[in-house]
Protein backbone atom coordinates (compact mmCIF):
# COMPACT_ATOMS: atom_id res chain seq x y z
CA MET A 1 0.02 0.02 0.01
CA THR A 2 1.54 3.23 -1.16
CA ASP A 3 0.12 5.47 1.74
CA GLN A 4 1.82 2.99 4.31
CA PRO A 5 4.41 4.89 6.50
CA ARG A 6 8.07 4.19 5.64
CA ARG A 7 10.57 3.54 8.30
CA ARG A 8 14.40 3.37 7.31
CA ILE A 9 15.91 0.92 9.75
CA ASP A 10 19.04 2.79 11.02
CA ALA A 11 21.73 1.40 13.01
CA THR A 12 19.76 1.64 16.45
CA SER A 13 16.77 0.01 15.30
CA LEU A 14 18.74 -2.68 13.26
CA ARG A 15 20.52 -3.76 16.66
CA GLY A 16 17.02 -3.86 18.15
CA LEU A 17 15.63 -6.06 15.70
CA ALA A 18 18.50 -8.28 14.67
CA HIS A 19 17.69 -11.04 17.11
CA PRO A 20 16.17 -14.59 15.83
CA LEU A 21 13.56 -14.52 18.42
CA ARG A 22 12.53 -10.76 18.12
CA MET A 23 12.33 -11.14 14.12
CA ARG A 24 10.22 -14.22 14.57
CA LEU A 25 7.78 -12.35 17.08
CA LEU A 26 7.43 -9.55 14.63
CA ASP A 27 6.58 -11.72 11.65
CA GLU A 28 4.10 -13.59 13.90
CA LEU A 29 2.30 -10.26 15.01
CA ARG A 30 2.52 -9.48 11.44
CA ALA A 31 1.18 -12.43 9.94
CA ASN A 32 -1.62 -13.13 12.32
CA GLY A 33 -2.31 -9.81 14.06
CA PRO A 34 -2.24 -8.91 17.76
CA ALA A 35 -1.32 -11.33 20.60
CA THR A 36 -0.29 -11.74 24.28
CA SER A 37 3.16 -12.75 25.12
CA ALA A 38 1.51 -16.20 26.52
CA ARG A 39 -0.04 -16.72 23.01
CA LEU A 40 2.91 -15.95 21.22
CA ALA A 41 5.23 -18.14 23.44
CA GLU A 42 2.83 -20.93 22.75
CA ARG A 43 2.90 -20.48 19.16
CA LEU A 44 6.52 -20.46 18.82
CA GLY A 45 7.80 -22.99 21.63
CA GLU A 46 9.47 -20.56 23.95
CA ASN A 47 9.35 -19.24 27.53
CA THR A 48 6.65 -16.65 28.27
CA GLY A 49 9.20 -14.44 30.50
CA THR A 50 11.63 -14.47 27.37
CA VAL A 51 9.10 -13.75 24.92
CA SER A 52 7.88 -11.00 27.18
CA TRP A 53 11.64 -9.67 27.38
CA HIS A 54 11.86 -9.64 23.64
CA LEU A 55 8.42 -8.05 23.14
CA ARG A 56 9.28 -4.99 25.39
CA HIS A 57 12.63 -4.57 23.43
CA LEU A 58 10.88 -4.40 20.01
CA ALA A 59 8.33 -2.13 21.38
CA GLU A 60 11.34 0.09 22.81
CA HIS A 61 12.54 0.23 19.41
CA GLY A 62 9.15 0.96 17.64
CA PHE A 63 8.60 -2.12 15.78
CA ILE A 64 5.61 -3.15 17.83
CA GLU A 65 3.16 -1.44 20.24
CA GLU A 66 0.72 -2.35 22.91
CA GLU A 67 -3.10 -2.38 22.28
CA THR A 68 -3.90 -0.44 25.30
CA ASP A 69 -7.93 -0.81 24.68
CA ARG A 70 -7.60 -4.81 24.90
CA GLY A 71 -6.49 -7.03 27.70
CA THR A 72 -5.92 -6.43 31.35
CA ARG A 73 -2.64 -5.03 33.47
CA ARG A 74 -1.82 -8.72 33.86
CA GLU A 75 -2.60 -9.45 30.06
CA ARG A 76 -0.84 -7.22 27.56
CA TRP A 77 -1.70 -7.53 23.89
CA TRP A 78 0.82 -6.33 21.22
CA ARG A 79 0.57 -5.44 17.74
CA ALA A 80 2.95 -4.71 14.87
CA VAL A 81 3.21 -1.13 14.18
CA ARG A 82 1.85 -0.39 10.80
CA SER A 83 4.83 0.73 8.54
CA ARG A 84 7.03 -0.54 5.69
CA ASN A 85 10.52 -1.00 7.00
CA VAL A 86 13.04 -0.34 4.53
CA LEU A 87 16.82 -1.49 5.13
CA ASN A 88 19.47 0.00 3.00
CA THR A 89 22.57 -2.30 3.34
CA THR A 90 24.79 0.70 2.27
CA ASP A 91 23.82 2.56 5.09
CA PHE A 92 26.17 0.33 6.92
CA ASP A 93 29.18 0.04 4.67
CA ARG A 94 31.24 2.26 6.99
CA ASP A 95 29.94 1.01 10.33
CA PRO A 96 31.99 -2.20 11.32
CA ALA A 97 30.12 -2.02 14.69
CA THR A 98 26.63 -2.83 13.11
CA LYS A 99 28.07 -5.60 10.63
CA GLY A 100 27.34 -8.28 13.01
CA ALA A 101 23.65 -6.95 13.51
CA LEU A 102 23.20 -6.62 9.81
CA ASP A 103 24.56 -10.36 9.37
CA VAL A 104 22.23 -11.82 11.93
CA TYR A 105 19.21 -9.88 10.48
CA LEU A 106 19.71 -10.90 6.75
CA GLY A 107 20.41 -14.73 7.47
CA GLU A 108 17.46 -14.81 9.57
CA MET A 109 15.42 -13.06 7.13
CA LEU A 110 16.50 -15.51 4.54
CA ARG A 111 15.85 -18.66 6.64
CA GLU A 112 12.29 -17.21 7.46
CA GLN A 113 11.66 -16.62 3.78
CA PHE A 114 12.90 -19.97 2.74
CA ARG A 115 10.66 -21.33 5.82
CA ARG A 116 7.54 -19.76 4.53
CA VAL A 117 8.17 -21.18 0.81
CA ALA A 118 8.79 -24.67 2.23
CA ASP A 119 5.59 -24.53 4.65
CA ALA A 120 3.59 -23.15 1.58
CA MET A 121 4.84 -25.86 -0.90
CA ALA A 122 4.22 -28.65 1.67
CA ALA A 123 0.47 -27.45 2.63
CA GLU A 124 -2.46 -29.05 1.75
CA LEU A 125 -4.66 -26.82 -0.11
CA PRO A 126 -8.37 -26.77 -1.74
CA GLU A 127 -8.56 -27.53 -5.39
CA GLU A 128 -9.07 -23.95 -6.12
CA TRP A 129 -5.81 -22.79 -4.76
CA ARG A 130 -3.60 -25.54 -6.32
CA GLY A 131 -1.50 -24.39 -9.25
CA VAL A 132 -2.05 -20.52 -8.52
CA GLY A 133 1.35 -19.84 -7.08
CA THR A 134 4.84 -19.94 -8.50
CA VAL A 135 8.46 -20.45 -7.72
CA SER A 136 10.26 -18.92 -10.50
CA GLY A 137 13.66 -17.76 -11.18
CA TRP A 138 15.65 -16.05 -13.65
CA SER A 139 19.50 -16.15 -13.74
CA ASN A 140 20.30 -15.25 -17.21
CA LEU A 141 19.54 -11.21 -16.98
CA ARG A 142 22.34 -8.75 -17.50
CA LEU A 143 21.35 -5.53 -16.04
CA THR A 144 23.27 -2.28 -14.95
CA PRO A 145 22.87 -1.01 -11.54
CA ALA A 146 20.13 1.39 -12.72
CA GLN A 147 18.27 -1.07 -14.77
CA LEU A 148 18.00 -3.35 -11.71
CA ARG A 149 16.87 -0.38 -9.16
CA ALA A 150 13.91 0.32 -12.12
CA LEU A 151 13.20 -3.37 -12.46
CA ASN A 152 12.43 -3.57 -8.75
CA ALA A 153 10.87 -0.03 -8.51
CA ASP A 154 8.40 -1.55 -11.02
CA LEU A 155 7.95 -4.79 -9.33
CA MET A 156 7.01 -2.84 -5.91
CA ALA A 157 4.77 -0.67 -7.65
CA VAL A 158 2.56 -3.91 -9.04
CA ILE A 159 2.72 -5.14 -5.60
CA ASP A 160 1.32 -1.97 -4.23
CA ARG A 161 -1.64 -1.81 -6.76
CA HIS A 162 -2.45 -5.67 -5.45
CA THR A 163 -2.02 -4.81 -1.67
CA PRO A 164 -5.73 -4.32 0.01
CA ASP A 165 -6.14 -1.60 2.43
CA PRO A 166 -5.28 -2.88 5.91
CA ASP A 167 -8.59 -1.56 7.27
CA ALA A 168 -10.69 -2.82 4.59
CA GLU A 169 -12.81 -5.83 5.43
CA PRO A 170 -11.01 -8.94 3.66
CA ASP A 171 -12.75 -10.66 0.75
CA PRO A 172 -14.17 -14.24 2.06
CA ALA A 173 -12.54 -16.05 -0.75
CA ALA A 174 -9.05 -14.33 -0.07
CA ARG A 175 -6.28 -16.26 2.20
CA PRO A 176 -2.83 -14.87 3.24
CA VAL A 177 -0.64 -15.32 0.44
CA ILE A 178 3.25 -15.20 0.68
CA LEU A 179 5.31 -13.01 -1.94
CA GLN A 180 8.86 -12.82 -1.83
CA ILE A 181 11.22 -11.19 -4.41
CA GLN A 182 15.00 -11.65 -4.37
CA SER A 183 16.71 -9.48 -7.09
CA LEU A 184 20.41 -9.41 -6.25
CA PRO A 185 23.66 -9.24 -8.53
CA ARG A 186 25.46 -12.25 -9.01
CA LYS A 187 28.97 -13.02 -9.18
CA GLU A 188 30.45 -13.57 -12.63
CA SER A 189 31.75 -17.05 -13.34
CA ASP A 190 35.22 -17.56 -13.76
CA PRO A 191 35.66 -18.09 -17.68
CA SER A 192 38.82 -20.27 -17.18
């Protein structure tokens, strides 16, 4: 959605997010909506106290917020902050102190994307949902940096056109869909 606020991840917020459990918690809240620490702990097979600590850490860095109109003093509900996080890895080229956090974040993000695709491919789906997805790859493109940026911008614009308003009532025939795009320059093969 084009009107969704964008948040550029800086070094401080990257260090606040770059932890495997925090990334899983944020992903769970985004995918399945608000939850308590107890529910999240049960879903993820983690200790409630540990989950609570990491939730507070995510809130401190602005990735999630408490749903104050829900729950009690003992039962706090958390939701993901509605924004599109933007990570530009070149922001950290000259910051060796952030390299470890960036490596953790990117590694966990890729593991989670692989897990989502593997789970989706293994799922038993109703007939109308079979054969409508795709896993595709193109390794023969040769682009300049400007062309790759333009391709990515075009892809994002198409996705924005198909992203429903988060406040709109979902179509009863709709179900959650995974969409992942990886467009990276690859190393040239050695001609020898």
